[in-house]
Amino acid sequence: MILPIDPANKLSFKRFIKDGDLVIVYERHDTMKAVKVSEDGVLQNRFGAFKHSEWIGKPFGSKVLSNKGAFVYLLAPTPELWTLVLSHRTQILYIADISFVVMYLEIVPGCVVLESGTGSGSLTTSLARAVAPTGHVYTFDFHEQRAASAREDFEKTGLSSLVTVGVRDIQGEGFPDEFCGRADSVFLDLPQPWLVIPSAGKMLKPDGVLCSFSPCIEQVQRSCEALKSQFTDIRTFEVLLRTYEVRQKILESCPVNEGDSIERPPRKRRQGSAEGSNGTECSSSPAVVIRPSGEARGHTGYLTFARLKCFV
């Protein structure tokens, strides 16, 4: 489970793995997978065979060995890790956007949140953790099979008591009337969000907050026009995240002349190099090298926030 509701079973890296638990198997920083533990289960990968029976009883965060002596780590299935391993039924929101959304929508335990559309459920998972243990997320998707797959994922991750998945064309029909005046926050991820803004305004409590995610600035412009009549404090953000790689490298430095204290700039060690073999000794030492990641994501979309006007 991503988020056990019983306070006695609060998720932590000290919690022990049980039969039926969901774990994130960490092979390397860009290779992880979600695995449901079963007594007779075996995980096969390039490192060999890992018996699930040897995982049971170990705390999350443990290092386990395969039949070949290689290892993986067994991590607790947090929403952050689930975002990295879930099946992509649609384009998903990632951690930078998700954290920004949760903060600016002012989501705290006990909140009622409406979301459209559900998609792959990446954001929904983090919303559920934010409203727990007494709040609830009502998420809607017009695609019936996609909604059914999302329900299965929330069952698998233990969030079904915090999330209700509905099948509805929110863009064409608006939110159900039963939520009028009940929502603390509304999140929209739709091709034409401006069509839903009047309905979203009816759902929100006074001073409630709305967020609309759009990949194109033209969508943002039309949404902002529609927001003017009912909303205030309208703001749009683009969240850009730059990731850096931290690696240890062996660097080598050589003096320019014998007895001279000035050294060449450190460089990567080259195997078989003839440099330094003319009687001048070169020293090698490990150093931490930091560089921008080549896999860093750029633009994902624009986040537009607005607060419902309080009419007295």
Protein backbone atom coordinates (compact mmCIF):
# COMPACT_ATOMS: atom_id res chain seq x y z
CA MET A 1 0.00 0.00 0.00
CA ILE A 2 1.13 3.53 -0.73
CA LEU A 3 -0.64 5.02 2.25
CA PRO A 4 -1.97 2.77 5.03
CA ILE A 5 -4.84 4.52 6.83
CA ASP A 6 -4.26 2.89 10.23
CA PRO A 7 -1.87 5.21 12.14
CA ALA A 8 -0.29 2.12 13.73
CA ASN A 9 0.81 1.03 10.25
CA LYS A 10 2.15 4.40 9.17
CA LEU A 11 4.36 3.99 6.10
CA SER A 12 8.08 4.24 6.81
CA PHE A 13 11.28 2.54 5.75
CA LYS A 14 11.18 0.58 9.04
CA ARG A 15 7.91 -1.13 8.11
CA PHE A 16 8.42 -4.81 7.29
CA ILE A 17 7.42 -6.31 3.94
CA LYS A 18 4.50 -8.75 4.05
CA ASP A 19 2.99 -11.21 1.61
CA GLY A 20 0.72 -9.21 -0.75
CA ASP A 21 2.58 -5.89 -0.32
CA LEU A 22 3.48 -3.68 -3.26
CA VAL A 23 7.20 -2.86 -3.44
CA ILE A 24 9.27 -0.77 -5.82
CA VAL A 25 12.27 -2.77 -7.03
CA TYR A 26 15.15 -0.37 -7.61
CA GLU A 27 17.76 -1.65 -10.07
CA ARG A 28 19.36 1.71 -10.91
CA HIS A 29 18.27 5.36 -10.97
CA ASP A 30 16.47 4.96 -14.30
CA THR A 31 15.26 1.35 -13.88
CA MET A 32 12.55 0.60 -11.34
CA LYS A 33 9.41 -1.53 -11.36
CA ALA A 34 6.44 -2.18 -9.11
CA VAL A 35 6.11 -5.76 -7.88
CA LYS A 36 3.40 -7.38 -5.75
CA VAL A 37 5.00 -9.74 -3.25
CA SER A 38 3.80 -13.35 -3.12
CA GLU A 39 5.21 -16.24 -1.11
CA ASP A 40 6.01 -18.35 -4.19
CA GLY A 41 6.84 -15.46 -6.53
CA VAL A 42 10.16 -14.96 -8.33
CA LEU A 43 11.43 -11.79 -10.02
CA GLN A 44 13.60 -12.49 -13.07
CA ASN A 45 15.77 -9.72 -14.49
CA ARG A 46 19.27 -9.20 -15.91
CA PHE A 47 20.72 -9.59 -12.42
CA GLY A 48 19.28 -13.09 -11.95
CA ALA A 49 16.38 -14.56 -9.99
CA PHE A 50 15.06 -12.98 -6.79
CA LYS A 51 12.74 -15.09 -4.61
CA HIS A 52 9.89 -13.12 -3.01
CA SER A 53 9.99 -15.45 0.00
CA GLU A 54 13.38 -13.97 0.90
CA TRP A 55 11.88 -10.44 0.87
CA ILE A 56 9.11 -11.17 3.38
CA GLY A 57 10.01 -9.93 6.85
CA LYS A 58 12.67 -7.49 5.63
CA PRO A 59 12.20 -3.73 6.18
CA PHE A 60 11.60 -1.43 3.20
CA GLY A 61 14.91 -0.10 1.91
CA SER A 62 16.60 -3.51 2.19
CA LYS A 63 19.26 -4.70 -0.23
CA VAL A 64 18.51 -8.25 -1.47
CA LEU A 65 20.65 -10.65 -3.47
CA SER A 66 19.84 -12.80 -6.51
CA ASN A 67 21.00 -16.34 -7.23
CA LYS A 68 23.93 -14.76 -9.12
CA GLY A 69 25.01 -12.59 -6.20
CA ALA A 70 23.77 -9.33 -7.78
CA PHE A 71 21.47 -7.04 -5.81
CA VAL A 72 18.47 -4.70 -5.96
CA TYR A 73 16.80 -2.48 -3.35
CA LEU A 74 13.22 -2.93 -2.13
CA LEU A 75 11.67 0.53 -1.68
CA ALA A 76 8.42 1.68 -0.12
CA PRO A 77 5.85 2.63 -2.81
CA THR A 78 5.56 6.38 -2.21
CA PRO A 79 3.53 8.54 -4.63
CA GLU A 80 6.82 9.96 -5.97
CA LEU A 81 8.11 6.51 -6.90
CA TRP A 82 4.71 5.36 -8.16
CA THR A 83 4.75 8.29 -10.61
CA LEU A 84 8.00 6.92 -12.06
CA VAL A 85 6.81 3.31 -12.51
CA LEU A 86 3.08 3.49 -13.35
CA SER A 87 1.67 2.51 -16.73
CA HIS A 88 1.30 5.54 -19.00
CA ARG A 89 -2.23 5.42 -20.37
CA THR A 90 -1.91 9.16 -21.08
CA GLN A 91 0.79 11.80 -20.71
CA ILE A 92 1.33 12.24 -16.98
CA LEU A 93 2.31 15.04 -14.62
CA TYR A 94 5.68 14.65 -12.95
CA ILE A 95 6.99 15.57 -9.51
CA ALA A 96 7.83 19.24 -10.21
CA ASP A 97 4.31 20.06 -11.44
CA ILE A 98 2.61 17.82 -8.87
CA SER A 99 4.31 19.42 -5.87
CA PHE A 100 3.47 22.89 -7.20
CA VAL A 101 -0.18 21.93 -7.73
CA VAL A 102 -0.61 20.47 -4.24
CA MET A 103 0.88 23.60 -2.65
CA TYR A 104 -0.98 26.24 -4.67
CA LEU A 105 -4.31 24.41 -4.41
CA GLU A 106 -3.80 24.64 -0.62
CA ILE A 107 -4.63 20.95 -0.17
CA VAL A 108 -4.45 19.69 3.41
CA PRO A 109 -5.86 16.65 5.25
CA GLY A 110 -9.65 16.67 5.17
CA CYS A 111 -10.03 18.53 1.85
CA VAL A 112 -12.47 17.49 -0.87
CA VAL A 113 -10.83 17.69 -4.31
CA LEU A 114 -12.44 17.33 -7.75
CA GLU A 115 -10.23 16.28 -10.67
CA SER A 116 -10.82 15.91 -14.41
CA GLY A 117 -9.38 13.93 -16.15
CA THR A 118 -7.91 11.02 -14.32
CA GLY A 119 -5.55 9.80 -17.04
CA SER A 120 -2.86 7.53 -15.62
CA GLY A 121 -3.55 8.64 -12.03
CA SER A 122 -0.12 10.16 -11.33
CA LEU A 123 -1.48 13.40 -9.81
CA THR A 124 -4.44 11.62 -8.21
CA THR A 125 -2.09 9.48 -6.11
CA SER A 126 -0.39 12.54 -4.62
CA LEU A 127 -3.72 14.32 -4.10
CA ALA A 128 -4.96 11.30 -2.14
CA ARG A 129 -1.97 11.38 0.19
CA ALA A 130 -2.42 15.13 0.72
CA VAL A 131 -6.10 14.84 1.77
CA ALA A 132 -5.67 11.71 3.93
CA PRO A 133 -6.91 10.46 6.29
CA THR A 134 -10.29 12.25 6.34
CA GLY A 135 -10.48 13.94 2.92
CA HIS A 136 -11.45 12.54 -0.47
CA VAL A 137 -10.56 12.89 -4.15
CA TYR A 138 -13.32 12.56 -6.76
CA THR A 139 -11.71 12.09 -10.15
CA PHE A 140 -13.46 11.79 -13.52
CA ASP A 141 -12.47 10.48 -16.94
CA PHE A 142 -14.65 10.23 -20.05
CA HIS A 143 -12.89 7.02 -21.16
CA GLU A 144 -14.50 4.02 -19.45
CA GLN A 145 -11.57 1.60 -19.86
CA ARG A 146 -9.08 4.21 -18.64
CA ALA A 147 -11.23 4.85 -15.57
CA ALA A 148 -11.44 1.11 -14.87
CA SER A 149 -7.64 0.77 -15.12
CA ALA A 150 -7.21 3.69 -12.73
CA ARG A 151 -9.55 2.02 -10.20
CA GLU A 152 -7.44 -1.14 -10.38
CA ASP A 153 -4.28 0.88 -9.72
CA PHE A 154 -5.83 2.62 -6.70
CA GLU A 155 -6.90 -0.77 -5.33
CA LYS A 156 -3.37 -2.07 -5.85
CA THR A 157 -1.79 0.91 -4.09
CA GLY A 158 -4.29 0.91 -1.21
CA LEU A 159 -5.90 4.26 -2.04
CA SER A 160 -9.41 3.15 -2.95
CA SER A 161 -10.85 4.49 0.34
CA LEU A 162 -9.53 7.96 -0.53
CA VAL A 163 -10.33 8.08 -4.25
CA THR A 164 -13.57 7.67 -6.19
CA VAL A 165 -13.24 7.31 -9.97
CA GLY A 166 -16.22 8.37 -12.08
CA VAL A 167 -16.89 8.02 -15.82
CA ARG A 168 -18.21 11.33 -17.13
CA ASP A 169 -17.56 13.82 -19.93
CA ILE A 170 -16.81 16.76 -17.64
CA GLN A 171 -15.92 19.00 -20.57
CA GLY A 172 -19.34 18.46 -22.13
CA GLU A 173 -21.56 17.95 -19.06
CA GLY A 174 -19.73 19.68 -16.21
CA PHE A 175 -19.32 18.24 -12.72
CA PRO A 176 -22.25 16.41 -11.06
CA ASP A 177 -24.64 18.71 -9.14
CA GLU A 178 -24.14 16.67 -5.95
CA PHE A 179 -20.78 18.42 -5.44
CA CYS A 180 -22.15 21.99 -5.58
CA GLY A 181 -20.45 24.10 -2.93
CA ARG A 182 -18.57 21.10 -1.47
CA ALA A 183 -15.13 21.22 -3.13
CA ASP A 184 -12.13 22.89 -1.55
CA SER A 185 -10.14 22.60 -4.79
CA VAL A 186 -10.69 21.72 -8.45
CA PHE A 187 -8.06 20.51 -10.91
CA LEU A 188 -8.63 20.45 -14.68
CA ASP A 189 -6.51 18.65 -17.28
CA LEU A 190 -8.70 19.01 -20.37
CA PRO A 191 -8.32 20.10 -24.02
CA GLN A 192 -10.88 22.93 -23.56
CA PRO A 193 -10.89 23.79 -19.85
CA TRP A 194 -12.70 27.10 -20.40
CA LEU A 195 -15.89 25.14 -21.10
CA VAL A 196 -15.84 23.68 -17.57
CA ILE A 197 -14.92 26.82 -15.60
CA PRO A 198 -18.55 27.90 -14.93
CA SER A 199 -19.32 24.42 -13.56
CA ALA A 200 -16.12 24.38 -11.48
CA GLY A 201 -17.09 27.71 -9.94
CA LYS A 202 -20.37 26.22 -8.72
CA MET A 203 -18.58 23.25 -7.14
CA LEU A 204 -16.11 25.30 -5.09
CA LYS A 205 -16.63 26.59 -1.59
CA PRO A 206 -16.21 30.36 -1.13
CA ASP A 207 -12.53 31.24 -1.52
CA GLY A 208 -11.83 27.81 -3.08
CA VAL A 209 -8.99 27.43 -5.59
CA LEU A 210 -8.96 26.11 -9.16
CA CYS A 211 -6.01 24.91 -11.24
CA SER A 212 -5.99 24.22 -14.98
CA PHE A 213 -3.10 22.39 -16.67
CA SER A 214 -2.58 23.11 -20.39
CA PRO A 215 0.34 22.39 -22.73
CA CYS A 216 -0.35 25.35 -25.06
CA ILE A 217 -0.40 29.07 -24.22
CA GLU A 218 -3.47 29.60 -26.43
CA GLN A 219 -5.43 27.32 -24.09
CA VAL A 220 -4.20 29.40 -21.15
CA GLN A 221 -5.37 32.64 -22.78
CA ARG A 222 -8.91 31.36 -23.35
CA SER A 223 -9.07 29.92 -19.85
CA CYS A 224 -8.00 33.21 -18.27
CA GLU A 225 -10.73 35.05 -20.21
CA ALA A 226 -13.32 32.62 -18.87
CA LEU A 227 -12.01 32.92 -15.31
CA LYS A 228 -12.43 36.72 -15.08
CA SER A 229 -16.15 36.71 -14.28
CA GLN A 230 -16.09 34.36 -11.26
CA PHE A 231 -12.46 34.23 -10.13
CA THR A 232 -9.73 36.51 -8.85
CA ASP A 233 -5.97 36.24 -8.20
CA ILE A 234 -5.45 34.59 -11.61
CA ARG A 235 -1.85 33.41 -12.09
CA THR A 236 -0.05 31.23 -14.64
CA PHE A 237 3.22 29.37 -14.01
CA GLU A 238 5.59 27.23 -16.06
CA VAL A 239 7.63 24.91 -13.84
CA LEU A 240 11.05 24.08 -15.30
CA LEU A 241 13.18 21.53 -13.48
CA ARG A 242 16.88 21.02 -14.15
CA THR A 243 18.41 17.82 -12.82
CA TYR A 244 22.11 17.35 -12.13
CA GLU A 245 24.07 14.09 -12.13
CA VAL A 246 26.50 13.54 -9.26
CA ARG A 247 29.23 10.97 -10.03
CA GLN A 248 32.63 10.05 -8.63
CA LYS A 249 35.45 10.17 -11.18
CA ILE A 250 39.17 9.43 -10.98
CA LEU A 251 41.05 12.63 -11.83
CA GLU A 252 44.76 12.91 -12.57
CA SER A 253 47.10 15.90 -12.19
CA CYS A 254 50.75 16.27 -13.22
CA PRO A 255 53.32 18.98 -12.46
CA VAL A 256 54.41 21.12 -15.46
CA ASN A 257 58.12 20.86 -14.65
CA GLU A 258 60.03 18.91 -12.05
CA GLY A 259 60.07 20.94 -8.86
CA ASP A 260 57.40 23.32 -10.14
CA SER A 261 54.40 23.59 -7.86
CA ILE A 262 52.03 24.62 -10.68
CA GLU A 263 49.90 21.68 -11.81
CA ARG A 264 47.86 20.98 -14.89
CA PRO A 265 44.09 21.22 -14.49
CA PRO A 266 42.57 17.92 -13.36
CA ARG A 267 41.46 15.67 -16.20
CA LYS A 268 39.81 12.30 -16.62
CA ARG A 269 42.24 9.41 -16.33
CA ARG A 270 43.03 7.71 -19.65
CA GLN A 271 44.06 4.09 -19.65
CA GLY A 272 47.25 3.37 -21.52
CA SER A 273 48.20 7.05 -21.83
CA ALA A 274 51.90 7.77 -22.36
CA GLU A 275 51.64 11.07 -20.48
CA GLY A 276 53.43 11.09 -17.17
CA SER A 277 55.84 8.35 -18.31
CA ASN A 278 58.73 10.73 -19.01
CA GLY A 279 59.91 10.64 -15.43
CA THR A 280 57.22 12.97 -14.11
CA GLU A 281 54.89 11.32 -11.62
CA CYS A 282 51.19 12.04 -11.91
CA SER A 283 48.84 11.69 -8.98
CA SER A 284 45.33 10.28 -9.20
CA SER A 285 42.53 10.99 -6.80
CA PRO A 286 38.77 10.46 -6.68
CA ALA A 287 36.64 13.58 -7.07
CA VAL A 288 32.93 14.30 -7.22
CA VAL A 289 31.86 15.58 -10.66
CA ILE A 290 28.52 17.35 -11.13
CA ARG A 291 26.94 18.04 -14.52
CA PRO A 292 23.47 18.72 -15.92
CA SER A 293 21.59 15.53 -16.73
CA GLY A 294 21.15 14.77 -20.41
CA GLU A 295 17.68 13.34 -19.62
CA ALA A 296 16.30 16.52 -18.01
CA ARG A 297 12.73 17.29 -19.12
CA GLY A 298 11.90 20.77 -20.33
CA HIS A 299 8.44 22.24 -20.81
CA THR A 300 5.53 20.03 -19.75
CA GLY A 301 2.72 22.55 -19.56
CA TYR A 302 1.31 25.72 -17.99
CA LEU A 303 -0.43 25.79 -14.62
CA THR A 304 -3.12 28.44 -14.22
CA PHE A 305 -4.49 29.09 -10.72
CA ALA A 306 -7.46 31.22 -9.68
CA ARG A 307 -9.45 31.83 -6.50
CA LEU A 308 -13.24 31.92 -6.43
CA LYS A 309 -14.60 35.39 -5.67
CA CYS A 310 -16.55 35.76 -2.46
CA PHE A 311 -19.82 37.50 -3.30
CA VAL A 312 -21.42 39.10 -0.24
